[in-house]
């Protein structure tokens, strides 16, 4: 009987020990476990963004991901009370937390710091980061700036994505479509295939066209990467200059052979009159014939014929016959 009681007590003790072990391992903790690596506090913006899943799958995160309970409470609040778009993004953030927990090579812990942060979730993250000497993983621009001022290490997913993009060095050229005007009136704005914004100087009149640009410089910020360029001036090809012949002897021209013209066929004359008529030079016809000038008429007075005159005329007539 005593042996049976001792056996039951031992079994009960083992069951209690197993339950306590399960609670210690699975349930959320109020303190971060001391494991190898640096703890990383995850912000709400990172969970809503969702790109941390791809980074975690690639194996580049070797540290412990710590998700405060206040961050999950903010996601729950947005999923219940926000508009449709924010509700969708907040529910997606909760799914991201679940997917991170199911990854076998990832260590994810839920830190019980309270379901609601009275001072604000960003301020709570900064306090926890100072307390546990942890880094903050965020894509919030303002939180990034404040954490850097406080001396806290920041892991920005945007900076990681920007650093992995294709880099263009100053002086490189490419064709870019300008889609809108820039902040200044003379600027045009286009975007690369990876989403990088390119500001082109003196290109506001070419908005809506595809122009060739030359990169001048790039600007890397926590919010993203920006590049500046200028339109290139396409130079017209030079006109071909005539080749200068070397000074020397002039090229000898080929002797031109005389061209023998066919002789005209001899004309046949049927009579001498035709021959004389054809040999006579034709008189040139004047285009304009002036009318003859009127000459003054002379008035002759008839003299009376005498007998001697009549005799002289008869003698001339006989001689002619």
Protein backbone atom coordinates (compact mmCIF):
# COMPACT_ATOMS: atom_id res chain seq x y z
CA UNK A 1 0.00 0.00 0.00
CA UNK A 2 2.77 2.42 0.89
CA UNK A 3 4.62 1.56 -2.31
CA UNK A 4 1.51 2.38 -4.32
CA UNK A 5 1.15 5.76 -2.59
CA UNK A 6 4.82 6.58 -3.22
CA UNK A 7 4.41 5.62 -6.88
CA UNK A 8 1.39 7.89 -7.24
CA UNK A 9 3.24 10.78 -5.59
CA UNK A 10 6.18 10.30 -7.96
CA UNK A 11 3.92 10.27 -11.00
CA UNK A 12 2.13 13.41 -9.80
CA UNK A 13 5.43 15.18 -9.23
CA UNK A 14 6.61 14.29 -12.70
CA UNK A 15 3.36 15.58 -14.22
CA UNK A 16 3.64 18.87 -12.34
CA UNK A 17 7.27 19.23 -13.43
CA UNK A 18 6.37 18.61 -17.06
CA UNK A 19 3.56 21.18 -16.95
CA UNK A 20 5.80 23.80 -15.36
CA UNK A 21 8.44 23.14 -18.00
CA UNK A 22 5.87 23.57 -20.75
CA UNK A 23 4.68 26.88 -19.28
CA UNK A 24 8.21 28.15 -18.94
CA UNK A 25 9.06 27.30 -22.54
CA UNK A 26 5.84 28.15 -24.38
CA UNK A 27 4.12 30.92 -22.50
CA UNK A 28 5.16 34.56 -23.04
CA UNK A 29 7.85 35.85 -20.72
CA UNK A 30 8.16 39.09 -18.89
CA UNK A 31 11.92 39.11 -19.41
CA UNK A 32 14.06 38.35 -22.46
CA UNK A 33 15.92 35.06 -22.21
CA UNK A 34 19.69 35.30 -22.22
CA UNK A 35 20.64 33.45 -25.40
CA UNK A 36 23.44 33.74 -27.85
CA UNK A 37 23.09 36.79 -30.05
CA UNK A 38 21.56 40.19 -29.68
CA UNK A 39 17.79 40.61 -29.07
CA UNK A 40 15.93 42.52 -31.78
CA UNK A 41 12.73 44.37 -30.89
CA UNK A 42 10.27 44.33 -33.79
CA UNK A 43 8.14 47.40 -34.53
CA UNK A 44 4.53 47.46 -35.75
CA UNK A 45 5.54 48.94 -39.12
CA UNK A 46 7.84 45.98 -39.86
CA UNK A 47 5.09 43.44 -39.20
CA UNK A 48 2.60 45.33 -41.36
CA UNK A 49 5.19 45.62 -44.14
CA UNK A 50 5.85 41.86 -44.17
CA UNK A 51 9.26 41.89 -45.88
CA UNK A 52 10.86 40.60 -42.69
CA UNK A 53 9.56 37.13 -43.63
CA UNK A 54 11.75 37.08 -46.73
CA UNK A 55 14.74 38.30 -44.73
CA UNK A 56 14.14 35.63 -42.07
CA UNK A 57 13.80 32.88 -44.68
CA UNK A 58 17.11 33.86 -46.25
CA UNK A 59 18.88 33.13 -42.94
CA UNK A 60 20.38 36.59 -42.43
CA UNK A 61 18.70 37.00 -39.02
CA UNK A 62 20.65 34.95 -36.52
CA UNK A 63 19.54 36.80 -33.42
CA UNK A 64 16.40 36.49 -31.31
CA UNK A 65 13.33 38.34 -32.52
CA UNK A 66 11.41 39.84 -29.61
CA UNK A 67 7.85 41.05 -30.23
CA UNK A 68 6.45 43.12 -27.32
CA UNK A 69 2.87 42.47 -26.29
CA UNK A 70 2.15 46.19 -26.73
CA UNK A 71 2.99 45.85 -30.44
CA UNK A 72 0.51 43.00 -30.82
CA UNK A 73 -2.07 45.04 -28.90
CA UNK A 74 -1.64 47.91 -31.36
CA UNK A 75 -2.16 45.51 -34.28
CA UNK A 76 -5.32 44.21 -32.62
CA UNK A 77 -6.59 47.76 -32.08
CA UNK A 78 -5.99 48.65 -35.75
CA UNK A 79 -7.66 45.43 -36.92
CA UNK A 80 -10.82 46.25 -34.93
CA UNK A 81 -11.25 50.01 -35.18
CA UNK A 82 -9.41 51.34 -38.26
CA UNK A 83 -10.65 51.73 -41.80
CA UNK A 84 -10.76 48.89 -44.32
CA UNK A 85 -7.21 49.27 -45.65
CA UNK A 86 -5.64 49.50 -42.20
CA UNK A 87 -7.71 46.56 -40.95
CA UNK A 88 -6.38 44.44 -43.82
CA UNK A 89 -2.78 45.45 -43.14
CA UNK A 90 -3.12 44.88 -39.38
CA UNK A 91 -4.55 41.38 -39.88
CA UNK A 92 -1.70 40.68 -42.26
CA UNK A 93 0.72 41.79 -39.51
CA UNK A 94 -0.79 39.27 -37.09
CA UNK A 95 -0.35 36.55 -39.73
CA UNK A 96 3.30 37.58 -40.08
CA UNK A 97 3.83 37.04 -36.33
CA UNK A 98 2.35 33.55 -36.60
CA UNK A 99 4.49 32.69 -39.64
CA UNK A 100 7.66 33.87 -37.89
CA UNK A 101 6.86 31.65 -34.91
CA UNK A 102 6.40 28.62 -37.18
CA UNK A 103 9.84 28.96 -38.78
CA UNK A 104 12.03 26.17 -37.35
CA UNK A 105 15.33 28.06 -37.55
CA UNK A 106 13.94 31.30 -36.05
CA UNK A 107 13.80 32.16 -32.34
CA UNK A 108 10.75 34.36 -31.68
CA UNK A 109 9.71 35.50 -28.20
CA UNK A 110 6.67 37.43 -26.99
CA UNK A 111 7.61 39.94 -24.30
CA UNK A 112 4.81 40.60 -21.78
CA UNK A 113 5.15 44.35 -21.29
CA UNK A 114 1.40 45.04 -21.22
CA UNK A 115 -1.28 44.95 -23.87
CA UNK A 116 -1.39 48.72 -24.12
CA UNK A 117 1.38 51.32 -23.91
CA UNK A 118 0.12 54.46 -22.25
CA UNK A 119 3.15 56.51 -23.34
CA UNK A 120 2.96 55.19 -26.91
CA UNK A 121 4.35 52.12 -28.64
CA UNK A 122 7.39 53.96 -30.06
CA UNK A 123 8.37 55.30 -26.64
CA UNK A 124 7.87 51.83 -25.11
CA UNK A 125 10.19 50.29 -27.72
CA UNK A 126 12.92 52.81 -26.96
CA UNK A 127 12.62 52.12 -23.21
CA UNK A 128 12.80 48.35 -23.73
CA UNK A 129 15.77 48.71 -26.08
CA UNK A 130 17.72 50.66 -23.43
CA UNK A 131 16.72 48.22 -20.70
CA UNK A 132 17.76 45.03 -22.51
CA UNK A 133 20.51 46.53 -24.74
CA UNK A 134 18.53 45.43 -27.76
CA UNK A 135 18.29 46.70 -31.32
CA UNK A 136 15.12 48.07 -32.88
CA UNK A 137 13.88 46.75 -36.22
CA UNK A 138 11.66 49.36 -37.88
CA UNK A 139 10.88 51.17 -41.14
CA UNK A 140 9.32 54.17 -39.37
CA UNK A 141 11.30 57.25 -40.40
CA UNK A 142 10.68 59.24 -37.21
CA UNK A 143 11.37 56.30 -34.89
CA UNK A 144 14.58 55.65 -36.78
CA UNK A 145 15.76 59.23 -36.24
CA UNK A 146 14.91 59.24 -32.52
CA UNK A 147 16.61 55.87 -31.94
CA UNK A 148 19.80 57.08 -33.61
CA UNK A 149 19.78 60.19 -31.39
CA UNK A 150 19.31 57.98 -28.30
CA UNK A 151 22.27 55.81 -29.35
CA UNK A 152 20.17 52.70 -30.08
CA UNK A 153 21.09 50.37 -32.93
CA UNK A 154 18.47 50.43 -35.68
CA UNK A 155 17.89 47.73 -38.30
CA UNK A 156 15.97 49.41 -41.13
CA UNK A 157 14.47 47.10 -43.75
CA UNK A 158 14.30 50.00 -46.20
CA UNK A 159 18.03 50.61 -45.93
CA UNK A 160 18.66 46.91 -46.54
CA UNK A 161 16.46 46.93 -49.64
CA UNK A 162 18.04 50.13 -50.93
CA UNK A 163 21.57 48.82 -50.50
CA UNK A 164 20.70 45.74 -52.55
CA UNK A 165 19.42 47.74 -55.49
CA UNK A 166 21.37 48.29 -58.68
CA UNK A 167 23.72 51.23 -58.29
CA UNK A 168 24.37 53.78 -61.03
CA UNK A 169 27.64 55.65 -60.89
CA UNK A 170 27.97 59.34 -61.85
CA UNK A 171 28.55 59.66 -65.57
CA UNK A 172 26.51 56.61 -66.59
CA UNK A 173 23.73 57.16 -69.11
CA UNK A 174 20.38 55.52 -69.70
CA UNK A 175 16.93 56.13 -71.20
CA UNK A 176 14.29 57.22 -68.67
CA UNK A 177 10.63 58.15 -69.00
CA UNK A 178 9.71 61.38 -67.20
CA UNK A 179 6.27 61.07 -65.59
CA UNK A 180 5.83 64.28 -63.62
CA UNK A 181 7.36 67.61 -62.67
CA UNK A 182 9.68 67.93 -59.70
CA UNK A 183 9.57 70.16 -56.65
CA UNK A 184 11.22 72.97 -58.62
CA UNK A 185 9.62 74.27 -61.78
CA UNK A 186 12.56 73.22 -63.99
CA UNK A 187 12.82 69.62 -62.74
CA UNK A 188 11.38 66.42 -64.20
CA UNK A 189 10.90 63.19 -62.23
CA UNK A 190 11.17 59.59 -63.40
CA UNK A 191 11.46 56.20 -61.71
CA UNK A 192 13.78 53.26 -62.27
CA UNK A 193 12.50 49.70 -62.54
CA UNK A 194 13.24 49.09 -58.84
CA UNK A 195 11.27 52.18 -57.76
CA UNK A 196 14.18 54.58 -57.22
CA UNK A 197 13.17 58.18 -57.89
CA UNK A 198 15.35 60.11 -60.33
CA UNK A 199 15.23 63.92 -60.40
CA UNK A 200 16.33 65.30 -63.78
CA UNK A 201 17.43 68.94 -63.90
CA UNK A 202 16.13 71.28 -66.64
CA UNK A 203 13.70 68.67 -67.98
CA UNK A 204 10.27 70.03 -67.05
CA UNK A 205 9.38 70.62 -70.72
CA UNK A 206 10.12 66.96 -71.55
CA UNK A 207 7.60 65.42 -69.11
CA UNK A 208 5.82 62.54 -70.82
CA UNK A 209 8.80 61.76 -73.06
CA UNK A 210 11.60 59.20 -72.86
CA UNK A 211 14.91 61.03 -72.76
CA UNK A 212 18.53 60.05 -72.35
CA UNK A 213 19.92 61.16 -69.00
CA UNK A 214 23.31 61.20 -67.33
CA UNK A 215 23.52 60.52 -63.59
CA UNK A 216 25.18 63.23 -61.49
CA UNK A 217 24.96 62.01 -57.88
CA UNK A 218 22.88 59.86 -55.53
CA UNK A 219 21.44 60.60 -52.10
CA UNK A 220 20.86 57.82 -49.54
CA UNK A 221 18.39 58.53 -46.73
CA UNK A 222 16.58 56.44 -44.18
CA UNK A 223 13.36 56.88 -46.15
CA UNK A 224 14.89 55.66 -49.40
CA UNK A 225 17.33 56.41 -52.18
CA UNK A 226 17.17 59.37 -54.55
CA UNK A 227 19.25 60.03 -57.64
CA UNK A 228 19.91 63.23 -59.58
CA UNK A 229 20.62 63.43 -63.30
CA UNK A 230 20.70 65.81 -66.24
CA UNK A 231 19.55 65.37 -69.84
CA UNK A 232 22.33 64.60 -72.28
CA UNK A 233 22.88 66.67 -75.40
CA UNK A 234 23.07 64.39 -78.35
CA UNK A 235 25.82 65.73 -80.58
CA UNK A 236 25.15 65.72 -84.31
CA UNK A 237 27.60 63.64 -86.31
CA UNK A 238 30.27 65.75 -88.06
CA UNK A 239 29.86 66.34 -91.77
CA UNK A 240 32.25 64.35 -93.93
CA UNK A 241 35.04 66.62 -95.13
CA UNK A 242 36.29 66.32 -98.71
CA UNK A 243 39.46 64.35 -99.09
CA UNK A 244 42.48 66.46 -100.01
CA UNK A 245 44.31 65.10 -103.03
CA UNK A 246 48.06 64.96 -102.61
CA UNK A 247 49.95 67.63 -104.48
CA UNK A 248 51.72 66.23 -107.50
CA UNK A 249 51.17 65.51 -111.11
CA UNK A 250 47.73 66.09 -112.39
CA UNK A 251 45.95 62.96 -113.45
CA UNK A 252 46.20 62.41 -117.18
CA UNK A 253 42.82 62.55 -118.76
CA UNK A 254 41.96 59.97 -121.29
CA UNK A 255 42.08 61.17 -124.88
CA UNK A 256 38.66 61.75 -126.14
CA UNK A 257 38.02 60.02 -129.42
CA UNK A 258 36.44 62.21 -132.09
CA UNK A 259 32.85 61.51 -132.64
CA UNK A 260 32.06 60.96 -136.33
CA UNK A 261 28.77 62.47 -137.18
CA UNK A 262 26.88 60.81 -140.02
CA UNK A 263 27.04 62.74 -143.26
CA UNK A 264 23.75 64.04 -144.53
CA UNK A 265 22.34 62.24 -147.54
CA UNK A 266 22.82 64.08 -150.87
CA UNK A 267 19.76 65.91 -152.05
CA UNK A 268 18.36 64.97 -155.43
CA UNK A 269 17.20 67.77 -157.71
CA UNK A 270 14.70 66.99 -160.43
CA UNK A 271 15.33 70.15 -162.45
CA UNK A 272 17.67 73.08 -162.63
CA UNK A 273 14.99 75.41 -161.38
CA UNK A 274 14.65 73.37 -158.21
CA UNK A 275 18.42 73.41 -157.76
CA UNK A 276 18.64 77.16 -158.21
CA UNK A 277 15.69 77.67 -155.95
CA UNK A 278 17.24 75.58 -153.18
CA UNK A 279 20.70 77.17 -153.53
CA UNK A 280 19.32 80.66 -153.25
CA UNK A 281 19.69 82.00 -149.76
CA UNK A 282 16.38 82.53 -148.16
CA UNK A 283 15.67 86.05 -147.21
CA UNK A 284 15.14 86.66 -143.58
CA UNK A 285 11.68 87.69 -142.76
CA UNK A 286 11.39 90.59 -140.48
CA UNK A 287 9.13 90.09 -137.55
CA UNK A 288 7.97 93.63 -137.60
CA UNK A 289 7.53 95.46 -140.90
CA UNK A 290 7.34 99.14 -140.54
CA UNK A 291 4.99 100.89 -142.90
CA UNK A 292 6.78 102.95 -145.58
CA UNK A 293 7.05 106.59 -144.95
CA UNK A 294 4.77 108.66 -147.08
CA UNK A 295 6.80 110.57 -149.68
CA UNK A 296 5.69 113.92 -150.92
CA UNK A 297 4.13 113.65 -154.32
CA UNK A 298 5.69 115.74 -157.06
CA UNK A 299 3.39 117.48 -159.40
CA UNK A 300 4.50 117.33 -163.00
CA UNK A 301 3.12 119.75 -165.53
CA UNK A 302 2.59 118.36 -169.00
CA UNK A 303 4.15 120.29 -171.71
CA UNK A 304 2.37 120.44 -175.07
CA UNK A 305 3.94 118.04 -177.66
CA UNK A 306 5.29 119.54 -180.80
CA UNK A 307 5.66 118.03 -184.29
CA UNK A 308 9.37 117.48 -183.70
CA UNK A 309 8.62 115.44 -180.63
CA UNK A 310 6.23 113.26 -182.48
CA UNK A 311 8.77 112.55 -185.18
CA UNK A 312 11.45 111.63 -182.63
CA UNK A 313 9.18 109.11 -180.95
CA UNK A 314 8.31 107.49 -184.26
CA UNK A 315 11.96 107.11 -185.16
CA UNK A 316 12.68 105.42 -181.76
CA UNK A 317 9.83 102.98 -182.26
CA UNK A 318 11.09 101.98 -185.70
CA UNK A 319 14.64 101.45 -184.37
CA UNK A 320 13.39 99.12 -181.61
CA UNK A 321 11.47 97.02 -184.09
